[in-house]
Amino acid sequence: MGQLRAGADRAGHRAGLGVTLPPQLAELVDDFSAVGPKDRLQLLLELSRELPELPARYADAADTMEQVHECQSPLFLAVELDEGEHVHLFFSAPPEAPTTRGFASIMHAGMDGEKAADVLAVPDDFYVALGLAQAVSPLRLRGMAAMLARIKNQVRANLKSL
């Protein structure tokens, strides 16, 4: 996605919003807000193709990952924390569900590798700043909110077990 746009400084602070996001997530928000609704949908579809493949340990997603039932398409996720409390995100979504995959890719690109505290500090409604409400249904956006909620829940659970 390139360098941070003018709306975010190096710490990921979104100018004018009073919200601090991880730098990569702030960059994605800026990328989406810089274009019109049709281009936002195109950007989401491009991101859907960038969702990383699952490692072998998650090959059977239904048994090894948490399903996000609020998503219109089957989406499974898993969260791991390394010893430095950096978050690692894993998603499984079918290729024929590009919107769901795009949402998962935003989460992955924006938060994977970040410190647990920074992920937990992401506002629950950060996705509103992406401007996707004009491009996708509210039901689909509810799925994105549910993804973030489950990520945060798994981060908290992982922190307790460290």
Protein backbone atom coordinates (compact mmCIF):
# COMPACT_ATOMS: atom_id res chain seq x y z
CA MET A 1 0.00 0.00 0.00
CA GLY A 2 3.00 2.29 0.08
CA GLN A 3 3.85 4.97 2.58
CA LEU A 4 1.57 6.48 5.20
CA ARG A 5 -0.65 9.19 3.78
CA ALA A 6 -0.84 12.69 5.21
CA GLY A 7 -3.73 11.75 7.52
CA ALA A 8 -1.60 9.52 9.73
CA ASP A 9 1.73 10.12 11.40
CA ARG A 10 4.35 7.42 11.96
CA ALA A 11 2.72 6.33 15.23
CA GLY A 12 -0.54 5.66 13.43
CA HIS A 13 -2.39 8.64 14.89
CA ARG A 14 -5.27 9.59 12.64
CA ALA A 15 -5.27 13.37 12.36
CA GLY A 16 -8.60 14.89 13.19
CA LEU A 17 -10.12 11.72 14.62
CA GLY A 18 -8.31 11.64 17.95
CA VAL A 19 -7.83 7.90 17.45
CA THR A 20 -4.57 6.00 17.54
CA LEU A 21 -4.42 2.99 15.24
CA PRO A 22 -1.53 0.65 14.52
CA PRO A 23 0.43 2.25 11.65
CA GLN A 24 -0.52 -0.33 9.00
CA LEU A 25 -4.20 -0.10 9.94
CA ALA A 26 -4.03 3.71 9.86
CA GLU A 27 -2.51 3.47 6.39
CA LEU A 28 -5.35 1.24 5.19
CA VAL A 29 -7.96 3.61 6.63
CA ASP A 30 -6.26 6.47 4.79
CA ASP A 31 -6.12 4.47 1.55
CA PHE A 32 -9.85 3.76 1.73
CA SER A 33 -10.86 7.27 2.75
CA ALA A 34 -8.81 8.79 -0.08
CA VAL A 35 -10.98 7.21 -2.80
CA GLY A 36 -14.65 7.18 -3.76
CA PRO A 37 -17.18 4.41 -2.94
CA LYS A 38 -16.65 2.41 -6.16
CA ASP A 39 -12.90 2.52 -5.75
CA ARG A 40 -13.27 1.47 -2.09
CA LEU A 41 -15.09 -1.66 -3.20
CA GLN A 42 -12.37 -2.31 -5.79
CA LEU A 43 -9.68 -1.84 -3.12
CA LEU A 44 -11.53 -4.29 -0.85
CA LEU A 45 -11.65 -6.85 -3.67
CA GLU A 46 -7.93 -6.38 -4.35
CA LEU A 47 -7.18 -6.95 -0.67
CA SER A 48 -9.27 -10.14 -0.73
CA ARG A 49 -6.68 -11.66 -3.06
CA GLU A 50 -3.87 -10.79 -0.62
CA LEU A 51 -5.16 -12.80 2.35
CA PRO A 52 -2.31 -15.16 3.30
CA GLU A 53 -2.72 -18.91 3.08
CA LEU A 54 -3.19 -20.79 6.33
CA PRO A 55 -0.29 -22.68 7.90
CA ALA A 56 -0.70 -26.46 7.98
CA ARG A 57 -1.66 -26.45 11.68
CA TYR A 58 -4.92 -24.72 10.70
CA ALA A 59 -5.66 -26.93 7.68
CA ASP A 60 -8.98 -28.05 9.18
CA ALA A 61 -10.36 -24.60 9.99
CA ALA A 62 -13.71 -25.80 11.32
CA ASP A 63 -11.99 -27.84 14.04
CA THR A 64 -9.03 -25.61 14.86
CA MET A 65 -10.35 -22.06 14.46
CA GLU A 66 -13.22 -19.94 15.78
CA GLN A 67 -16.07 -19.30 13.36
CA VAL A 68 -17.42 -15.76 13.05
CA HIS A 69 -21.12 -16.54 12.64
CA GLU A 70 -22.06 -12.91 11.97
CA CYS A 71 -20.25 -13.04 8.63
CA GLN A 72 -22.47 -13.83 5.66
CA SER A 73 -19.87 -16.26 4.32
CA PRO A 74 -18.02 -18.89 6.38
CA LEU A 75 -15.11 -17.19 8.10
CA PHE A 76 -12.83 -18.77 10.67
CA LEU A 77 -10.08 -17.05 12.63
CA ALA A 78 -7.33 -17.84 15.08
CA VAL A 79 -5.12 -15.55 17.12
CA GLU A 80 -1.71 -16.40 18.50
CA LEU A 81 0.60 -14.34 20.68
CA ASP A 82 4.34 -14.80 20.66
CA GLU A 83 6.49 -14.36 23.75
CA GLY A 84 6.86 -10.66 23.01
CA GLU A 85 3.06 -10.35 23.04
CA HIS A 86 2.87 -9.65 19.32
CA VAL A 87 -0.42 -10.70 17.73
CA HIS A 88 -0.50 -13.14 14.81
CA LEU A 89 -3.76 -13.49 12.92
CA PHE A 90 -4.95 -16.37 10.77
CA PHE A 91 -8.10 -16.40 8.65
CA SER A 92 -9.94 -18.92 6.55
CA ALA A 93 -12.56 -17.67 4.10
CA PRO A 94 -13.59 -19.17 0.76
CA PRO A 95 -12.29 -17.56 -2.45
CA GLU A 96 -15.89 -17.07 -3.61
CA ALA A 97 -16.46 -14.68 -0.66
CA PRO A 98 -14.32 -11.69 -1.70
CA THR A 99 -15.95 -9.17 0.64
CA THR A 100 -15.41 -11.38 3.68
CA ARG A 101 -11.87 -12.16 2.55
CA GLY A 102 -11.27 -8.44 2.03
CA PHE A 103 -12.37 -7.66 5.59
CA ALA A 104 -10.11 -10.42 6.91
CA SER A 105 -7.24 -9.07 4.82
CA ILE A 106 -7.74 -5.59 6.31
CA MET A 107 -7.53 -7.10 9.79
CA HIS A 108 -4.47 -9.14 8.88
CA ALA A 109 -2.60 -6.38 7.06
CA GLY A 110 -3.50 -3.82 9.71
CA MET A 111 -2.89 -5.75 12.92
CA ASP A 112 -0.76 -8.86 12.35
CA GLY A 113 2.55 -8.48 14.18
CA GLU A 114 1.33 -5.61 16.37
CA LYS A 115 1.61 -5.61 20.16
CA ALA A 116 -1.42 -7.04 21.96
CA ALA A 117 -2.09 -3.75 23.76
CA ASP A 118 -2.22 -1.89 20.43
CA VAL A 119 -4.69 -4.40 18.97
CA LEU A 120 -6.88 -4.17 22.07
CA ALA A 121 -6.83 -0.35 21.74
CA VAL A 122 -8.28 -0.39 18.20
CA PRO A 123 -11.70 1.27 18.43
CA ASP A 124 -14.52 -1.22 17.93
CA ASP A 125 -15.96 0.96 15.16
CA PHE A 126 -12.69 1.83 13.36
CA TYR A 127 -14.12 0.30 10.19
CA VAL A 128 -16.55 3.24 9.86
CA ALA A 129 -13.55 5.37 8.84
CA LEU A 130 -12.98 3.01 5.88
CA GLY A 131 -16.11 4.49 4.29
CA LEU A 132 -17.43 1.11 3.19
CA ALA A 133 -21.01 1.77 4.34
CA GLN A 134 -21.71 3.23 0.89
CA ALA A 135 -20.29 0.15 -0.84
CA VAL A 136 -21.44 -2.84 1.23
CA SER A 137 -24.49 -3.68 3.32
CA PRO A 138 -24.75 -2.97 7.06
CA LEU A 139 -25.04 -6.73 7.61
CA ARG A 140 -21.61 -7.23 6.05
CA LEU A 141 -20.14 -4.45 8.19
CA ARG A 142 -21.58 -6.19 11.25
CA GLY A 143 -19.45 -9.18 10.26
CA MET A 144 -16.33 -7.01 10.25
CA ALA A 145 -17.20 -5.67 13.72
CA ALA A 146 -17.66 -9.26 14.92
CA MET A 147 -14.24 -10.22 13.52
CA LEU A 148 -12.60 -7.46 15.53
CA ALA A 149 -14.51 -8.40 18.68
CA ARG A 150 -13.41 -12.04 18.38
CA ILE A 151 -9.82 -11.02 17.68
CA LYS A 152 -9.80 -8.92 20.86
CA ASN A 153 -11.41 -11.73 22.87
CA GLN A 154 -8.78 -14.20 21.69
CA VAL A 155 -5.99 -11.72 22.43
CA ARG A 156 -7.30 -11.30 25.99
CA ALA A 157 -7.57 -15.08 26.43
CA ASN A 158 -4.02 -15.57 25.11
CA LEU A 159 -2.68 -12.88 27.45
CA LYS A 160 -4.20 -14.70 30.42
CA SER A 161 -2.49 -17.93 29.44
CA LEU A 162 0.99 -16.39 29.06
